Amino acid sequence: MNLLIRSAIIIDKKSEFHNDRVDILIKNGIISNIAPSIKNSNNYKELKLDNLHVSNGWFDYSISCGQPGFEERDNMINTLEVASKSGFTCIGIQPNTYPVIDKRSEIEYIKLLSSNNIVKVHPIGSLTKKSEGNELSEIFDMGDGGAIAFGDYKRSIKNPNILKLALQYSNNSNYPIMSFPNTMDISENGVVNENVTSTVLGLNPIPSFSEHLNVQRDLTILEYAGGKLHIPTISTAKSAELIRNAKKNGLNVTCSTTIHNLFFDDQNLNGYNTNFKVLPPLRSTADIESLKLAVKDGTIDLVTCDHNPLNIELKDLEFENAAFGTIGLESCFGALNKLFSTKLAIQILTRGRSKFSLSSTTVSIGELADITLFNPNNDYIFSASQILSKSKNSIFINSKLKGKVYGIISNNKLKLNV
């Protein structure tokens, strides 16, 4: 692919052209020149867009795809189409399929489904067989097949010895071991945060301490066993503080939160809209402010859209009976860019690869072109018509967002929304 990008502002701290407005020449998928003005002597295709900004390609590690087994929710081809149009050049696929991704052959199947796509796909293997929490999966074999991490999606590890063994194995492999922070014996049957809202609505609560109790346990096991622990989608101020202190004490721990847990609090539940039923649940305003601070100071390493398509039969139910989850790829950049400065939003979207030992490029001469194209200044209200996923369960419908994705360049290909 040959392309000349005109008048683009580069947002990439690792690039010597950070904050510069420049032309970018791409030859055969490689950035061959960056300069204030480049002559198009070879008559390459030119790309010039309003208020064009470019950054290193975006990454999100927590994407659910219905295939195999739940194609009524979505499939791989469409999920990658949604990811590319949402600005992502690289994603992780969660193992919550049918069958659960707990074998090397299933890792290789996911890789095969996504081969030669513009979006790079990295499967996450189930930590335990069938994600049932009873016996470790063959994590080394799955790692050899292409898995980048291991965890039971939205299922906590009840048996602490399972986590201890997994972390001990990860000492030699450097694969992150994920432990979802939820103490089921406390939160069982809960559907929303334990707060005034849960009482007013008459809904079973999920106490915040059911999360940070699990976080504290897992950090204690990590201190004993060593290894590499990732705590996905924390939602409470106490969890953030525990992880901040653990990092100060030298523990090898990373964590994430979701964009919707930064954007909405539990008062948004007053309409019983099941798109707001997510796990972990929406928490208090005080929790949100603490999470934002933890994102800014680096305690929270990643912000994920936690994209989880669910067909209408799982959502169009009474609140207590509806499934947990929301889609989020389409709205992720607009929400991040609304909450934070554009530079911080881009930093969040591009810093995740290193946590999974994945290579990344920069927007620099001689590098492979792995680039997201966007306009950060477009304010809009997110509507159902902007949903590209097969399932429509978006928590962000009717929310005020900011920023427009123009497309991506990756794998020697160009994908534009315009």
Protein backbone atom coordinates (compact mmCIF):
# COMPACT_ATOMS: atom_id res chain seq x y z
CA MET A 1 0.00 0.00 0.00
CA ASN A 2 1.31 3.43 -1.00
CA LEU A 3 -0.22 6.59 0.46
CA LEU A 4 0.59 10.22 1.10
CA ILE A 5 -1.16 11.66 4.17
CA ARG A 6 -1.44 15.43 4.06
CA SER A 7 -1.37 17.88 6.96
CA ALA A 8 -1.75 15.51 9.91
CA ILE A 9 -0.92 16.25 13.55
CA ILE A 10 1.01 13.37 15.11
CA ILE A 11 0.09 12.41 18.67
CA ASP A 12 2.81 9.97 19.72
CA LYS A 13 5.16 10.72 22.61
CA LYS A 14 7.69 8.21 21.30
CA SER A 15 7.93 9.95 17.93
CA GLU A 16 10.28 12.86 17.26
CA PHE A 17 7.37 14.43 15.36
CA HIS A 18 5.02 14.45 18.38
CA ASN A 19 2.61 17.42 18.15
CA ASP A 20 3.91 18.39 14.69
CA ARG A 21 1.66 19.01 11.68
CA VAL A 22 3.30 17.09 8.84
CA ASP A 23 2.88 15.07 5.67
CA ILE A 24 3.44 11.32 6.02
CA LEU A 25 4.57 9.18 3.09
CA ILE A 26 3.89 5.44 3.28
CA LYS A 27 5.50 3.04 0.79
CA ASN A 28 4.60 -0.65 0.82
CA GLY A 29 3.18 -0.31 4.32
CA ILE A 30 6.28 1.37 5.76
CA ILE A 31 6.62 5.04 6.74
CA SER A 32 9.30 6.27 4.36
CA ASN A 33 9.22 10.00 5.07
CA ILE A 34 7.72 12.55 7.46
CA ALA A 35 8.16 16.25 6.73
CA PRO A 36 6.25 19.56 6.78
CA SER A 37 5.64 19.15 3.05
CA ILE A 38 6.33 16.16 0.79
CA LYS A 39 6.27 16.26 -3.00
CA ASN A 40 4.10 13.53 -4.52
CA SER A 41 6.57 12.64 -7.29
CA ASN A 42 5.18 9.10 -7.72
CA ASN A 43 1.55 10.23 -7.91
CA TYR A 44 0.52 8.14 -4.89
CA LYS A 45 -3.02 8.31 -3.53
CA GLU A 46 -3.35 11.32 -1.23
CA LEU A 47 -5.38 11.51 1.97
CA LYS A 48 -6.42 14.87 3.39
CA LEU A 49 -9.13 15.10 6.04
CA ASP A 50 -10.51 17.85 8.25
CA ASN A 51 -8.44 18.38 11.42
CA LEU A 52 -6.65 15.09 10.81
CA HIS A 53 -4.70 13.63 13.73
CA VAL A 54 -2.77 10.37 13.70
CA SER A 55 -1.40 8.16 16.43
CA ASN A 56 0.04 4.71 16.87
CA GLY A 57 -2.73 2.14 16.33
CA TRP A 58 -5.10 1.59 19.26
CA PHE A 59 -5.33 -1.59 21.33
CA ASP A 60 -8.03 -3.11 23.56
CA TYR A 61 -7.45 -6.47 25.20
CA SER A 62 -11.02 -7.26 26.32
CA ILE A 63 -13.24 -7.90 23.32
CA SER A 64 -15.88 -10.63 23.27
CA CYS A 65 -16.90 -12.24 20.00
CA GLY A 66 -19.78 -14.66 19.66
CA GLN A 67 -17.89 -17.00 17.35
CA PRO A 68 -17.75 -19.89 17.91
CA GLY A 69 -21.03 -20.88 19.50
CA PHE A 70 -22.89 -17.59 19.93
CA GLU A 71 -23.04 -16.23 16.40
CA GLU A 72 -26.46 -14.72 17.13
CA ARG A 73 -24.53 -12.15 19.22
CA ASP A 74 -21.84 -11.41 16.63
CA ASN A 75 -19.16 -13.11 14.57
CA MET A 76 -15.45 -12.64 14.04
CA ILE A 77 -15.60 -10.89 10.66
CA ASN A 78 -18.09 -8.28 11.85
CA THR A 79 -16.31 -7.80 15.18
CA LEU A 80 -13.10 -6.98 13.32
CA GLU A 81 -15.03 -4.65 11.01
CA VAL A 82 -16.40 -2.83 14.06
CA ALA A 83 -12.94 -2.68 15.64
CA SER A 84 -11.35 -1.20 12.51
CA LYS A 85 -14.06 1.43 12.10
CA SER A 86 -13.67 2.29 15.78
CA GLY A 87 -9.94 2.96 15.42
CA PHE A 88 -8.45 -0.27 16.75
CA THR A 89 -5.62 -1.99 14.90
CA CYS A 90 -5.10 -4.68 17.54
CA ILE A 91 -7.46 -6.46 19.95
CA GLY A 92 -7.53 -9.30 22.46
CA ILE A 93 -10.36 -11.83 22.19
CA GLN A 94 -11.86 -13.17 25.42
CA PRO A 95 -12.47 -16.94 25.84
CA ASN A 96 -16.22 -16.70 26.62
CA THR A 97 -17.28 -18.64 23.53
CA TYR A 98 -18.85 -22.06 23.12
CA PRO A 99 -16.86 -24.12 23.57
CA VAL A 100 -14.76 -22.03 25.95
CA ILE A 101 -11.29 -21.34 24.56
CA ASP A 102 -9.30 -23.66 26.82
CA LYS A 103 -7.23 -25.67 24.31
CA ARG A 104 -4.48 -24.91 21.82
CA SER A 105 -6.67 -25.99 18.91
CA GLU A 106 -9.25 -23.36 19.88
CA ILE A 107 -6.58 -20.66 20.15
CA GLU A 108 -5.39 -21.62 16.66
CA TYR A 109 -8.99 -21.55 15.39
CA ILE A 110 -9.41 -17.94 16.56
CA LYS A 111 -6.11 -17.05 14.89
CA LEU A 112 -7.28 -18.73 11.67
CA LEU A 113 -10.63 -16.88 11.69
CA SER A 114 -8.82 -13.56 11.86
CA SER A 115 -5.82 -14.27 9.64
CA ASN A 116 -4.75 -11.59 7.16
CA ASN A 117 -7.25 -9.08 8.55
CA ILE A 118 -6.33 -5.42 8.91
CA VAL A 119 -6.93 -5.83 12.66
CA LYS A 120 -4.47 -8.03 14.53
CA VAL A 121 -6.13 -10.52 16.89
CA HIS A 122 -4.57 -12.02 20.01
CA PRO A 123 -6.64 -14.70 21.81
CA ILE A 124 -6.86 -14.97 25.58
CA GLY A 125 -7.08 -18.52 26.87
CA SER A 126 -9.34 -19.68 29.66
CA LEU A 127 -7.36 -20.09 32.87
CA THR A 128 -9.33 -23.14 33.98
CA LYS A 129 -10.96 -25.89 31.97
CA LYS A 130 -14.36 -24.73 30.68
CA SER A 131 -13.85 -21.65 32.91
CA GLU A 132 -15.33 -23.68 35.75
CA GLY A 133 -12.56 -22.86 38.23
CA ASN A 134 -11.72 -26.45 39.14
CA GLU A 135 -8.63 -27.37 37.13
CA LEU A 136 -6.00 -25.36 35.30
CA SER A 137 -6.14 -25.37 31.51
CA GLU A 138 -3.08 -26.30 29.45
CA ILE A 139 -1.75 -22.76 29.57
CA PHE A 140 1.74 -23.45 28.23
CA ASP A 141 0.34 -25.29 25.21
CA MET A 142 -2.12 -22.48 24.52
CA GLY A 143 0.68 -19.97 24.89
CA ASP A 144 2.67 -21.81 22.24
CA GLY A 145 -0.43 -21.60 20.03
CA GLY A 146 -0.66 -17.82 20.33
CA ALA A 147 -2.52 -16.96 23.56
CA ILE A 148 -1.29 -13.76 25.21
CA ALA A 149 -2.85 -14.20 28.67
CA PHE A 150 -5.14 -16.47 30.68
CA GLY A 151 -8.31 -15.77 32.63
CA ASP A 152 -11.90 -16.89 33.15
CA TYR A 153 -13.93 -14.00 31.74
CA LYS A 154 -16.16 -12.41 34.44
CA ARG A 155 -15.63 -15.42 36.71
CA SER A 156 -13.59 -15.10 39.88
CA ILE A 157 -11.14 -17.80 40.94
CA LYS A 158 -12.76 -19.18 44.07
CA ASN A 159 -9.98 -21.66 44.89
CA PRO A 160 -6.89 -19.67 45.93
CA ASN A 161 -4.62 -22.63 45.20
CA ILE A 162 -5.60 -22.48 41.52
CA LEU A 163 -4.40 -18.88 41.37
CA LYS A 164 -1.23 -19.71 43.30
CA LEU A 165 -0.31 -22.48 40.85
CA ALA A 166 -1.09 -20.33 37.82
CA LEU A 167 1.07 -17.48 39.11
CA GLN A 168 3.93 -19.87 39.85
CA TYR A 169 3.72 -21.15 36.26
CA SER A 170 3.72 -17.58 34.97
CA ASN A 171 7.10 -16.99 36.64
CA ASN A 172 8.66 -18.92 33.77
CA SER A 173 6.39 -17.82 30.94
CA ASN A 174 5.64 -14.14 31.65
CA TYR A 175 2.00 -14.60 30.60
CA PRO A 176 -0.38 -12.39 32.61
CA ILE A 177 -2.74 -14.37 34.83
CA MET A 178 -6.10 -12.66 35.12
CA SER A 179 -8.24 -12.87 38.22
CA PHE A 180 -11.66 -11.21 38.04
CA PRO A 181 -12.20 -9.34 41.33
CA ASN A 182 -15.51 -10.56 42.71
CA THR A 183 -16.16 -12.59 45.86
CA MET A 184 -19.17 -14.63 44.75
CA ASP A 185 -20.14 -15.75 48.26
CA ILE A 186 -20.82 -12.08 49.03
CA SER A 187 -22.14 -10.78 45.70
CA GLU A 188 -24.21 -13.81 44.67
CA ASN A 189 -27.60 -12.79 43.21
CA GLY A 190 -26.55 -9.14 43.27
CA VAL A 191 -27.24 -7.03 40.17
CA VAL A 192 -26.28 -3.41 41.09
CA ASN A 193 -23.95 -1.52 43.41
CA GLU A 194 -24.87 -1.55 47.09
CA ASN A 195 -25.91 2.05 47.66
CA VAL A 196 -28.98 4.23 48.10
CA THR A 197 -29.96 3.47 44.51
CA SER A 198 -30.12 -0.29 45.10
CA THR A 199 -32.44 0.28 48.06
CA VAL A 200 -34.69 2.72 46.20
CA LEU A 201 -34.97 0.42 43.19
CA GLY A 202 -35.39 -2.71 45.29
CA LEU A 203 -32.58 -4.54 43.49
CA ASN A 204 -30.18 -7.04 45.06
CA PRO A 205 -26.83 -5.36 45.80
CA ILE A 206 -23.22 -6.16 44.94
CA PRO A 207 -21.22 -4.62 47.83
CA SER A 208 -18.02 -2.84 46.84
CA PHE A 209 -16.09 -4.85 49.41
CA SER A 210 -16.89 -8.04 47.48
CA GLU A 211 -14.43 -6.65 44.93
CA HIS A 212 -11.62 -5.31 47.04
CA LEU A 213 -11.74 -8.35 49.36
CA ASN A 214 -10.87 -10.43 46.29
CA VAL A 215 -8.21 -7.92 45.22
CA GLN A 216 -6.55 -8.07 48.63
CA ARG A 217 -6.55 -11.89 48.58
CA ASP A 218 -5.03 -12.02 45.09
CA LEU A 219 -2.31 -9.52 45.95
CA THR A 220 -1.40 -11.61 49.00
CA ILE A 221 -1.14 -14.72 46.82
CA LEU A 222 0.98 -12.78 44.29
CA GLU A 223 3.34 -11.68 47.05
CA TYR A 224 3.82 -15.33 48.03
CA ALA A 225 3.89 -17.00 44.60
CA GLY A 226 5.44 -14.37 42.38
CA GLY A 227 4.41 -14.28 38.72
CA LYS A 228 2.49 -11.73 36.73
CA LEU A 229 -1.02 -10.83 37.87
CA HIS A 230 -3.56 -8.77 35.94
CA ILE A 231 -6.71 -7.68 37.78
CA PRO A 232 -9.34 -6.83 35.14
CA THR A 233 -12.00 -4.13 35.34
CA ILE A 234 -11.74 -2.80 38.88
CA SER A 235 -14.54 -0.44 39.88
CA THR A 236 -13.90 0.81 43.44
CA ALA A 237 -11.68 3.39 45.08
CA LYS A 238 -10.44 0.82 47.60
CA SER A 239 -9.33 -1.56 44.84
CA ALA A 240 -7.34 1.21 43.18
CA GLU A 241 -5.65 2.10 46.47
CA LEU A 242 -4.74 -1.53 47.19
CA ILE A 243 -3.15 -1.91 43.75
CA ARG A 244 -1.35 1.43 44.02
CA ASN A 245 0.26 0.30 47.27
CA ALA A 246 1.11 -3.12 45.81
CA LYS A 247 2.93 -1.49 42.91
CA LYS A 248 4.86 0.72 45.33
CA ASN A 249 5.90 -2.47 47.15
CA GLY A 250 7.26 -3.95 43.93
CA LEU A 251 4.59 -6.52 43.11
CA ASN A 252 4.23 -7.42 39.44
CA VAL A 253 0.57 -6.44 39.07
CA THR A 254 -1.38 -4.58 36.41
CA CYS A 255 -5.05 -3.70 36.26
CA SER A 256 -7.76 -2.20 34.12
CA THR A 257 -11.09 -0.48 34.47
CA THR A 258 -13.88 -0.07 31.94
CA ILE A 259 -14.76 3.12 30.13
CA HIS A 260 -18.38 2.83 31.30
CA ASN A 261 -17.29 2.56 34.95
CA LEU A 262 -15.54 5.89 34.44
CA PHE A 263 -18.44 7.50 32.59
CA PHE A 264 -21.59 6.45 34.48
CA ASP A 265 -22.48 6.11 38.16
CA ASP A 266 -25.21 4.01 39.76
CA GLN A 267 -27.72 6.87 39.62
CA ASN A 268 -28.06 6.13 35.90
CA LEU A 269 -29.96 2.97 36.87
CA ASN A 270 -33.16 4.81 37.80
CA GLY A 271 -34.82 3.91 34.50
CA TYR A 272 -34.18 0.15 34.88
CA ASN A 273 -32.48 0.21 31.45
CA THR A 274 -30.80 -3.20 31.18
CA ASN A 275 -28.02 -1.77 29.00
CA PHE A 276 -26.76 -0.30 32.29
CA LYS A 277 -26.56 -3.76 33.86
CA VAL A 278 -22.84 -4.45 33.74
CA LEU A 279 -20.29 -6.40 35.77
CA PRO A 280 -18.67 -4.96 37.77
CA PRO A 281 -21.69 -2.75 38.42
CA LEU A 282 -21.74 1.01 38.06
CA ARG A 283 -20.46 2.44 41.34
CA SER A 284 -20.65 5.77 43.18
CA THR A 285 -19.46 9.19 42.04
CA ALA A 286 -16.68 9.02 44.64
CA ASP A 287 -15.48 5.72 43.17
CA ILE A 288 -15.44 7.25 39.68
CA GLU A 289 -13.31 10.19 40.78
CA SER A 290 -10.82 7.84 42.45
CA LEU A 291 -10.67 5.66 39.34
CA LYS A 292 -10.00 8.69 37.12
CA LEU A 293 -7.13 9.72 39.38
CA ALA A 294 -5.77 6.16 39.22
CA VAL A 295 -5.87 6.28 35.41
CA LYS A 296 -3.98 9.57 35.39
CA ASP A 297 -1.26 8.47 37.83
CA GLY A 298 -0.76 5.10 36.11
CA THR A 299 -2.16 2.90 38.89
CA ILE A 300 -4.74 1.72 36.35
CA ASP A 301 -2.73 0.52 33.37
CA LEU A 302 -5.52 0.03 30.83
CA VAL A 303 -9.03 1.30 30.14
CA THR A 304 -11.08 -1.22 28.18
CA CYS A 305 -14.41 -0.87 26.43
CA ASP A 306 -15.07 -4.46 27.61
CA HIS A 307 -17.05 -5.04 24.40
CA ASN A 308 -19.61 -7.80 25.08
CA PRO A 309 -22.34 -8.18 22.44
CA LEU A 310 -25.55 -9.76 23.74
CA ASN A 311 -28.60 -10.55 21.63
CA ILE A 312 -31.94 -8.96 22.51
CA GLU A 313 -33.28 -12.15 24.10
CA LEU A 314 -30.64 -11.75 26.84
CA LYS A 315 -31.28 -8.06 27.44
CA ASP A 316 -34.99 -7.41 26.84
CA LEU A 317 -35.97 -8.83 30.22
CA GLU A 318 -36.71 -7.68 33.76
CA PHE A 319 -33.57 -6.07 35.19
CA GLU A 320 -32.91 -8.95 37.62
CA ASN A 321 -33.02 -11.52 34.82
CA ALA A 322 -31.14 -9.67 32.08
CA ALA A 323 -27.54 -10.61 31.30
CA PHE A 324 -24.60 -8.44 32.35
CA GLY A 325 -22.74 -6.61 29.61
CA THR A 326 -22.52 -3.79 27.08
CA ILE A 327 -20.89 -3.28 23.71
CA GLY A 328 -18.34 -0.49 23.59
CA LEU A 329 -16.00 -0.46 20.61
CA GLU A 330 -17.97 2.13 18.66
CA SER A 331 -18.17 4.59 21.57
CA CYS A 332 -14.80 3.99 23.25
CA PHE A 333 -12.76 6.83 21.77
CA GLY A 334 -15.61 9.33 22.01
CA ALA A 335 -16.10 8.54 25.70
CA LEU A 336 -12.38 8.60 26.59
CA ASN A 337 -11.87 11.82 24.67
CA LYS A 338 -14.84 13.34 26.51
CA LEU A 339 -13.48 12.45 29.95
CA PHE A 340 -9.79 13.19 29.43
CA SER A 341 -7.56 15.37 27.29
CA THR A 342 -6.97 14.03 23.79
CA LYS A 343 -3.30 13.38 24.56
CA LEU A 344 -4.16 11.31 27.63
CA ALA A 345 -6.95 9.48 25.76
CA ILE A 346 -4.47 8.48 23.04
CA GLN A 347 -1.90 7.46 25.61
CA ILE A 348 -4.50 5.19 27.22
CA LEU A 349 -5.48 3.67 23.87
CA THR A 350 -1.88 2.94 22.86
CA ARG A 351 -0.10 1.88 26.05
CA GLY A 352 -1.69 -1.52 26.57
CA ARG A 353 0.40 -3.73 24.27
CA SER A 354 3.44 -3.71 26.54
CA LYS A 355 1.42 -5.22 29.38
CA PHE A 356 0.97 -8.33 27.23
CA SER A 357 4.52 -8.38 25.82
CA LEU A 358 3.23 -7.36 22.39
CA SER A 359 5.42 -5.32 20.08
CA SER A 360 4.35 -1.86 19.01
CA THR A 361 5.55 0.75 16.55
CA THR A 362 5.78 4.52 16.57
CA VAL A 363 4.82 7.09 13.97
CA SER A 364 8.40 7.48 12.80
CA ILE A 365 10.41 7.10 9.59
CA GLY A 366 11.29 3.48 8.86
CA GLU A 367 8.53 2.01 11.05
CA LEU A 368 5.68 -0.18 9.88
CA ALA A 369 2.57 1.93 9.41
CA ASP A 370 0.28 0.93 12.27
CA ILE A 371 -1.79 4.09 12.55
CA THR A 372 -5.18 5.36 13.69
CA LEU A 373 -6.65 8.39 11.90
CA PHE A 374 -9.03 10.64 13.84
CA ASN A 375 -10.46 14.09 14.51
CA PRO A 376 -10.53 14.85 18.26
CA ASN A 377 -12.83 17.89 18.08
CA ASN A 378 -16.12 16.44 16.83
CA ASP A 379 -18.88 16.68 19.49
CA TYR A 380 -21.92 14.49 18.99
CA ILE A 381 -24.62 12.46 20.70
CA PHE A 382 -24.11 8.73 20.28
CA SER A 383 -27.20 7.11 18.76
CA ALA A 384 -28.37 3.61 17.97
CA SER A 385 -27.77 4.31 14.28
CA GLN A 386 -24.02 4.47 15.00
CA ILE A 387 -23.93 0.95 16.39
CA LEU A 388 -22.09 -1.35 14.00
CA SER A 389 -22.20 -4.50 16.10
CA LYS A 390 -24.74 -7.20 15.38
CA SER A 391 -26.02 -6.86 18.96
CA LYS A 392 -27.26 -3.42 20.02
CA ASN A 393 -26.76 -3.47 23.81
CA SER A 394 -24.88 -0.18 24.17
CA ILE A 395 -24.80 1.68 27.47
CA PHE A 396 -23.74 4.87 25.62
CA ILE A 397 -26.89 5.47 23.56
CA ASN A 398 -27.90 9.17 23.92
CA SER A 399 -24.59 10.08 25.61
CA LYS A 400 -22.59 13.18 24.66
CA LEU A 401 -19.24 12.06 23.22
CA LYS A 402 -16.34 13.76 21.50
CA GLY A 403 -14.13 12.72 18.59
CA LYS A 404 -14.47 11.05 15.22
CA VAL A 405 -12.52 8.06 13.92
CA TYR A 406 -11.55 8.36 10.25
CA GLY A 407 -10.01 4.92 9.92
CA ILE A 408 -6.85 2.87 10.38
CA ILE A 409 -3.72 1.79 8.53
CA SER A 410 -2.35 -1.62 9.47
CA ASN A 411 -1.03 -4.82 7.91
CA ASN A 412 -0.22 -2.89 4.71
CA LYS A 413 -3.90 -1.97 4.31
CA LEU A 414 -6.04 1.16 4.61
CA LYS A 415 -9.57 1.16 6.04
CA LEU A 416 -11.55 4.42 5.97
CA ASN A 417 -14.94 5.40 7.37
CA VAL A 418 -15.21 8.34 4.96
